[in-house]
Protein backbone atom coordinates (compact mmCIF):
# COMPACT_ATOMS: atom_id res chain seq x y z
CA MET A 1 -28.62 9.35 7.50
CA ALA A 2 -24.85 8.41 8.54
CA ALA A 3 -24.84 6.03 11.70
CA ALA A 4 -24.91 8.49 15.03
CA LEU A 5 -21.72 9.07 16.99
CA PRO A 6 -21.96 8.93 20.48
CA PRO A 7 -21.41 11.38 22.63
CA GLY A 8 -18.33 13.43 22.69
CA ARG A 9 -16.80 11.67 19.58
CA ASP A 10 -16.04 14.58 16.62
CA PRO A 11 -17.56 13.57 13.21
CA PRO A 12 -15.54 13.21 10.59
CA PRO A 13 -14.75 16.48 7.91
CA HIS A 14 -17.44 14.52 5.54
CA LEU A 15 -20.78 12.65 5.04
CA PRO A 16 -20.22 8.93 3.97
CA VAL A 17 -23.09 8.03 1.38
CA LEU A 18 -25.22 5.49 1.85
CA ILE A 19 -23.54 4.45 5.55
CA GLY A 20 -26.53 4.22 7.43
CA GLN A 21 -27.97 1.65 4.33
CA LEU A 22 -24.49 -0.24 4.89
CA VAL A 23 -24.89 -1.24 8.52
CA ALA A 24 -28.23 -1.29 8.17
CA ALA A 25 -27.55 -4.42 5.32
CA VAL A 26 -24.80 -5.43 6.92
CA ALA A 27 -26.37 -5.44 10.44
CA PRO A 28 -24.50 -7.20 13.27
CA VAL A 29 -21.73 -5.67 12.08
CA ARG A 30 -18.78 -8.17 13.73
CA GLY A 31 -15.14 -9.04 13.57
CA ARG A 32 -12.28 -7.38 10.97
CA TRP A 33 -13.14 -5.14 8.24
CA LEU A 34 -10.57 -3.76 5.58
CA ASP A 35 -11.40 0.18 4.59
CA GLY A 36 -9.63 -0.33 0.93
CA THR A 37 -10.96 3.40 0.68
CA PHE A 38 -10.65 4.92 4.00
CA GLY A 39 -10.38 9.32 2.95
CA ALA A 40 -12.01 10.89 5.53
CA GLY A 41 -12.08 7.77 7.89
CA GLY A 42 -17.00 8.21 7.68
CA TYR A 43 -17.27 4.46 6.94
CA ALA A 44 -14.15 2.88 8.97
CA ARG A 45 -15.62 4.48 12.16
CA ALA A 46 -19.13 3.45 11.38
CA LEU A 47 -17.45 0.16 10.99
CA LEU A 48 -16.21 0.72 14.21
CA ASP A 49 -19.35 2.20 16.47
CA ALA A 50 -21.26 0.09 14.58
CA GLY A 51 -18.99 -3.42 16.48
CA ALA A 52 -16.94 -4.71 14.64
CA GLY A 53 -13.81 -5.63 15.82
CA GLN A 54 -11.26 -3.99 14.50
CA VAL A 55 -11.36 -2.28 10.71
CA ILE A 56 -8.40 -2.26 8.65
CA ALA A 57 -8.04 1.52 6.69
CA LEU A 58 -6.07 1.99 3.12
CA ASP A 59 -5.33 4.29 1.11
CA ARG A 60 -3.20 5.13 -1.27
CA ASP A 61 -3.59 9.54 -0.11
CA PRO A 62 -1.31 9.90 2.04
CA ALA A 63 -2.37 13.17 3.66
CA ALA A 64 -5.56 11.64 3.63
CA LEU A 65 -4.36 9.40 5.94
CA ALA A 66 -2.51 11.81 7.86
CA LEU A 67 -5.74 13.60 8.04
CA ALA A 68 -7.28 11.21 11.18
CA ASP A 69 -4.12 11.87 13.80
CA SER A 70 -6.62 14.28 15.79
CA TRP A 71 -9.21 11.06 15.97
CA ALA A 72 -7.54 7.48 15.41
CA GLY A 73 -5.82 7.01 18.68
CA GLN A 74 -9.52 7.20 20.21
CA TRP A 75 -10.10 3.17 18.49
CA GLY A 76 -6.40 2.15 19.86
CA ASP A 77 -5.11 -1.33 17.35
CA ARG A 78 -9.14 -2.09 16.69
CA LEU A 79 -7.95 1.33 13.73
CA VAL A 80 -5.50 0.44 11.75
CA ARG A 81 -4.25 2.83 9.46
CA VAL A 82 -1.97 1.19 6.36
CA GLU A 83 -0.67 3.95 3.21
CA ALA A 84 -1.17 1.37 0.47
CA ASN A 85 -3.59 0.67 -2.56
CA PHE A 86 -6.75 -0.78 -1.75
CA ARG A 87 -5.13 -3.92 -4.92
CA ASP A 88 -2.98 -5.10 -1.93
CA LEU A 89 -4.95 -5.74 -0.01
CA GLU A 90 -3.90 -8.97 0.45
CA ALA A 91 -0.44 -8.08 2.06
CA HIS A 92 -2.18 -5.17 4.44
CA ALA A 93 -4.41 -7.25 6.20
CA PRO A 94 -3.76 -11.12 7.10
CA GLY A 95 -5.98 -14.21 7.52
CA PRO A 96 -9.87 -13.97 6.21
CA LEU A 97 -12.11 -10.48 7.02
CA ASP A 98 -15.44 -10.46 7.39
CA GLY A 99 -16.18 -7.00 5.26
CA VAL A 100 -14.23 -5.03 2.68
CA VAL A 101 -16.45 -1.69 1.82
CA LEU A 102 -14.69 0.35 -0.87
CA ASP A 103 -15.65 3.35 -2.07
CA LEU A 104 -14.63 3.82 -5.04
CA GLY A 105 -13.42 7.80 -6.67
CA VAL A 106 -11.86 10.86 -5.44
CA SER A 107 -13.31 12.67 -2.08
CA SER A 108 -14.92 15.04 -1.52
CA MET A 109 -11.59 16.06 1.37
CA GLN A 110 -10.00 16.45 -2.39
CA LEU A 111 -11.81 17.89 -4.05
CA ASP A 112 -12.18 21.21 -1.66
CA GLN A 113 -8.06 21.16 -2.23
CA PRO A 114 -7.65 23.16 -5.28
CA GLY A 115 -3.86 22.12 -4.23
CA ARG A 116 -4.68 18.37 -4.91
CA GLY A 117 -5.99 19.60 -8.93
CA PHE A 118 -9.69 17.18 -8.98
CA SER A 119 -11.87 20.60 -9.02
CA PHE A 120 -13.02 22.35 -12.09
CA LEU A 121 -14.69 24.55 -9.39
CA ARG A 122 -12.00 25.97 -7.74
CA ASP A 123 -7.83 26.56 -10.12
CA GLY A 124 -5.64 25.48 -9.38
CA PRO A 125 -2.49 22.89 -10.23
CA LEU A 126 -3.65 20.34 -12.63
CA ASP A 127 -1.81 17.46 -10.64
CA MET A 128 -4.89 15.16 -10.17
CA ARG A 129 -2.27 12.00 -8.49
CA MET A 130 -4.22 10.58 -5.20
CA SER A 131 -0.80 9.15 -4.24
CA GLY A 132 1.89 12.22 -5.33
CA GLU A 133 3.89 9.92 -7.43
CA GLY A 134 3.72 9.28 -10.58
CA PRO A 135 2.65 11.30 -13.91
CA SER A 136 0.80 14.19 -13.21
CA ALA A 137 -2.68 15.16 -15.58
CA ALA A 138 -0.66 18.35 -15.81
CA ASP A 139 2.00 15.73 -17.67
CA LEU A 140 -0.46 13.89 -19.44
CA VAL A 141 -2.19 16.37 -21.32
CA ASN A 142 0.93 18.74 -22.68
CA ALA A 143 2.24 15.53 -23.49
CA ALA A 144 0.26 12.46 -25.22
CA PRO A 145 -1.01 12.59 -28.31
CA VAL A 146 -3.89 13.27 -29.56
CA GLY A 147 -5.53 10.21 -30.96
CA ARG A 148 -4.57 9.00 -27.06
CA LEU A 149 -6.08 12.16 -25.72
CA ALA A 150 -9.21 11.73 -26.85
CA ASP A 151 -9.23 7.30 -26.12
CA ILE A 152 -8.88 9.01 -22.63
CA LEU A 153 -11.70 11.17 -23.27
CA HIS A 154 -14.17 8.95 -24.57
CA GLN A 155 -13.07 5.40 -22.94
CA PHE A 156 -12.60 6.98 -19.30
CA GLY A 157 -15.41 9.85 -19.19
CA GLU A 158 -17.94 8.46 -21.74
CA GLU A 159 -17.69 12.11 -23.83
CA ARG A 160 -19.01 12.03 -27.14
CA ALA A 161 -16.71 16.03 -28.02
CA ALA A 162 -14.27 13.81 -26.75
CA ARG A 163 -12.10 14.15 -30.08
CA ARG A 164 -12.84 18.09 -30.68
CA ILE A 165 -12.14 18.19 -27.01
CA ALA A 166 -8.28 16.72 -28.03
CA ARG A 167 -7.68 18.87 -29.97
CA ALA A 168 -8.48 21.84 -29.25
CA ILE A 169 -6.26 20.68 -25.77
CA VAL A 170 -3.43 19.93 -28.33
CA ARG A 171 -4.03 22.94 -29.93
CA ALA A 172 -3.67 25.34 -26.18
CA ARG A 173 -0.67 23.66 -25.35
CA ALA A 174 1.02 24.52 -28.33
CA GLU A 175 0.52 28.20 -27.45
CA ALA A 176 1.82 27.35 -24.03
CA PRO A 177 1.31 24.38 -21.59
CA ILE A 178 -1.63 24.03 -19.71
CA GLY A 179 -0.78 23.88 -16.08
CA THR A 180 -4.16 24.31 -14.76
CA THR A 181 -7.57 23.49 -13.42
CA GLY A 182 -8.69 26.03 -14.24
CA ARG A 183 -8.23 27.03 -17.96
CA LEU A 184 -8.46 22.82 -18.77
CA ALA A 185 -11.47 23.42 -18.09
CA GLY A 186 -11.95 26.75 -19.82
CA ILE A 187 -10.89 24.70 -23.54
CA VAL A 188 -13.15 21.98 -22.24
CA ALA A 189 -16.05 24.33 -21.57
CA SER A 190 -15.22 25.84 -25.10
CA CYS A 191 -16.18 23.18 -26.69
CA LEU A 192 -19.47 21.82 -25.61
CA PRO A 193 -22.52 24.28 -25.46
CA ARG A 194 -23.70 25.81 -22.16
CA PRO A 195 -24.93 23.57 -19.82
CA LYS A 196 -29.05 24.30 -18.57
CA PRO A 197 -30.31 24.67 -15.90
CA GLY A 198 -29.50 21.19 -13.38
CA GLU A 199 -27.17 20.36 -15.76
CA SER A 200 -23.51 19.35 -14.79
CA HIS A 201 -20.47 21.22 -15.89
CA PRO A 202 -19.04 21.07 -19.25
CA ALA A 203 -15.97 19.39 -17.39
CA THR A 204 -17.35 16.59 -15.67
CA ARG A 205 -16.65 14.32 -18.07
CA SER A 206 -12.87 14.83 -19.13
CA PHE A 207 -11.89 15.58 -15.83
CA GLN A 208 -13.63 11.76 -14.53
CA ALA A 209 -11.35 10.47 -17.32
CA LEU A 210 -8.42 12.57 -16.85
CA ARG A 211 -8.44 11.15 -12.99
CA ILE A 212 -9.07 7.55 -14.46
CA ALA A 213 -5.97 7.68 -16.64
CA VAL A 214 -3.86 9.19 -14.27
CA ASN A 215 -4.32 6.29 -11.88
CA GLY A 216 -4.99 3.46 -12.72
CA GLU A 217 -7.89 3.67 -11.13
CA LEU A 218 -9.86 0.79 -13.50
CA ALA A 219 -7.35 -1.83 -13.59
CA ASP A 220 -7.00 -0.93 -9.18
CA LEU A 221 -11.04 -1.48 -9.27
CA VAL A 222 -10.45 -4.54 -11.36
CA ALA A 223 -7.85 -5.89 -9.63
CA GLY A 224 -8.76 -5.26 -6.08
CA LEU A 225 -12.17 -7.64 -6.54
CA ALA A 226 -10.25 -9.93 -6.69
CA ALA A 227 -8.62 -9.57 -4.09
CA ALA A 228 -11.15 -8.65 -1.96
CA GLU A 229 -13.30 -12.53 -3.16
CA ARG A 230 -10.00 -13.83 -1.97
CA ALA A 231 -9.88 -11.92 0.83
CA LEU A 232 -13.15 -12.62 2.26
CA ALA A 233 -14.19 -15.37 4.76
CA PRO A 234 -17.22 -17.54 4.24
CA ASP A 235 -19.98 -14.83 4.44
CA GLY A 236 -18.14 -12.05 4.37
CA TRP A 237 -19.35 -8.85 2.88
CA LEU A 238 -18.32 -6.99 0.02
CA ALA A 239 -20.10 -3.63 0.09
CA VAL A 240 -19.18 -1.22 -3.05
CA VAL A 241 -20.49 2.45 -4.18
CA SER A 242 -19.73 3.63 -6.99
CA PHE A 243 -20.23 7.16 -8.48
CA HIS A 244 -21.04 7.23 -12.21
CA SER A 245 -21.73 4.24 -14.61
CA LEU A 246 -18.74 3.02 -15.45
CA GLU A 247 -16.93 1.98 -12.77
CA ASP A 248 -20.56 0.44 -11.43
CA ARG A 249 -21.18 -1.14 -15.30
CA ILE A 250 -17.08 -3.25 -13.82
CA VAL A 251 -18.44 -3.72 -10.56
CA LYS A 252 -21.89 -4.77 -11.04
CA ARG A 253 -20.61 -7.71 -13.57
CA PHE A 254 -17.81 -9.04 -11.61
CA LEU A 255 -20.50 -10.04 -9.32
CA ALA A 256 -22.37 -11.58 -11.28
CA LEU A 257 -20.27 -13.96 -13.11
CA ARG A 258 -18.87 -14.54 -9.60
CA ALA A 259 -22.99 -14.63 -8.55
CA GLY A 260 -23.42 -17.20 -10.96
CA ALA A 261 -26.30 -14.59 -12.35
CA ALA A 262 -24.33 -13.53 -15.40
CA GLY A 263 -26.66 -12.18 -18.69
CA GLN A 264 -25.93 -14.05 -21.97
CA GLY A 265 -23.08 -11.30 -22.93
CA SER A 266 -23.23 -10.62 -26.70
CA ARG A 267 -20.66 -10.33 -29.13
CA HIS A 268 -19.44 -6.54 -27.92
CA ALA A 269 -19.38 -8.01 -24.60
CA PRO A 270 -19.66 -11.78 -24.27
CA VAL A 271 -19.62 -13.86 -20.56
CA ALA A 272 -16.90 -15.50 -19.73
CA ALA A 273 -17.40 -18.65 -17.72
CA PRO A 274 -18.23 -19.07 -14.26
CA ALA A 275 -16.18 -20.50 -11.97
CA ALA A 276 -18.13 -24.76 -11.08
CA ALA A 277 -20.17 -23.11 -7.53
CA PRO A 278 -20.54 -19.43 -7.09
CA ALA A 279 -18.58 -17.87 -5.21
CA PHE A 280 -20.30 -14.30 -4.49
CA ARG A 281 -24.40 -14.44 -3.42
CA LEU A 282 -25.94 -10.80 -4.34
CA VAL A 283 -27.74 -8.75 -2.05
CA ALA A 284 -29.88 -6.49 -3.38
CA ARG A 285 -29.19 -6.96 -6.87
CA GLY A 286 -30.59 -3.77 -8.70
CA GLY A 287 -28.01 -1.72 -5.87
CA ILE A 288 -29.07 0.35 -3.62
CA VAL A 289 -29.32 4.33 -4.08
CA ALA A 290 -29.68 7.29 -1.80
CA GLY A 291 -33.25 8.41 -0.28
CA ALA A 292 -34.74 12.53 -1.62
CA ALA A 293 -33.07 13.76 2.69
CA GLU A 294 -29.54 12.07 1.83
CA ILE A 295 -29.91 13.93 -1.14
CA ALA A 296 -30.29 16.80 0.50
CA ALA A 297 -28.20 17.01 3.08
CA ASN A 298 -24.85 15.09 0.78
CA PRO A 299 -26.26 16.10 -3.31
CA ARG A 300 -23.16 13.66 -3.58
CA ALA A 301 -25.24 11.29 -2.73
CA ARG A 302 -27.24 12.04 -5.99
CA SER A 303 -25.31 9.67 -8.21
CA ALA A 304 -24.27 7.05 -5.41
CA ARG A 305 -25.43 3.44 -6.07
CA LEU A 306 -24.60 0.79 -3.21
CA ARG A 307 -24.06 -2.95 -4.41
CA LEU A 308 -23.79 -6.05 -1.64
CA ALA A 309 -22.51 -9.98 -2.05
CA ARG A 310 -21.67 -11.78 0.51
CA ARG A 311 -18.79 -14.76 0.12
CA THR A 312 -19.69 -17.85 -0.39
CA GLY A 313 -17.44 -20.99 0.91
CA ALA A 314 -16.74 -21.51 -2.44
CA PRO A 315 -12.56 -21.15 -3.40
CA ALA A 316 -11.79 -18.08 -5.17
CA ALA A 317 -11.11 -17.55 -8.55
CA ALA A 318 -7.63 -17.77 -9.54
CA VAL A 319 -7.50 -15.18 -12.56
CA PRO A 320 -10.04 -12.12 -12.56
CA PRO A 321 -13.22 -12.02 -15.02
CA PRO A 322 -11.82 -11.22 -18.44
CA ALA A 323 -11.40 -7.28 -20.24
CA ALA A 324 -14.58 -7.90 -22.12
CA ALA A 325 -17.04 -9.48 -19.55
CA LEU A 326 -16.54 -6.75 -17.60
CA GLY A 327 -17.62 -4.30 -19.67
CA LEU A 328 -13.27 -2.57 -18.96
CA PRO A 329 -12.02 0.51 -21.80
CA PRO A 330 -9.95 -1.46 -23.76
CA LEU A 331 -6.83 1.53 -22.71
CA ALA A 332 -7.35 0.48 -18.76
CA LEU A 333 -5.49 -3.04 -20.25
CA THR A 334 -2.56 -0.56 -20.71
CA GLY A 335 -2.63 1.59 -17.24
CA GLY A 336 -4.24 4.50 -19.04
CA GLY A 337 -2.51 7.38 -19.05
């Protein structure tokens, strides 16, 4: 359940997932926080309501920042909005921070706008760019070789039928360029069995994979986690909400390595040597998930997991952990697109 808002204050347009659990876990909320994924502003508002002295809110999507124009002024200089990628948070939040929160992936607000091209449920232009800059998803699916497409779908979407779908995309684009979400979703669905009741749409993994590739999300995640480690003050909080196993695995392994709590690893995912002193203390090691009431009110919460850690006084590491130790797909190292 989201934190209650003071009388007369309008709620944000979308429910922030796990915000009640986050605010309760880090209470009392004090000092300077950074919300690296501002979106509809739900996390920033809840932190301010709970007592944060200031929230620096970053978002690479200028449309998200603009939507807050109608209410942001009530916070004065306690809320600072900046158009930026959270991987660059140190440039926009100088000085030690008392907390960093990251709500990963695409927001409900973006999914609800057909013109953004994130959703297979609403036909629109095949875009998927969070910042509106650079190559779009349409550019990718209409130009990438079949092997590259298959790698993207497999590595970023964990799609078992990646090669079959990639071949179908290449055949379809030979007939006419693929320019809409509806057409792409139909191509993907034609390659997979009809979903059973309760199962996700057949295009879910493919759309996730293309979005991650277009926006370079996994490389940004690793860089952002490392930047948060450097920016946090001793006892500062790092809170990360993820919605699929690929992101969650990276966050889990990063924190385990930085807390000196990593396992033995394997020949496929060797564990990097931990820092001389742990940089984080893990909180709720298995992560925090939504309860039945929150899932009923906000189905998006079903797949969400909140991971929390608290900064120690140890020096930050000079470089992020090796990609293999984090389970980072090889394609992420090249930008993914």
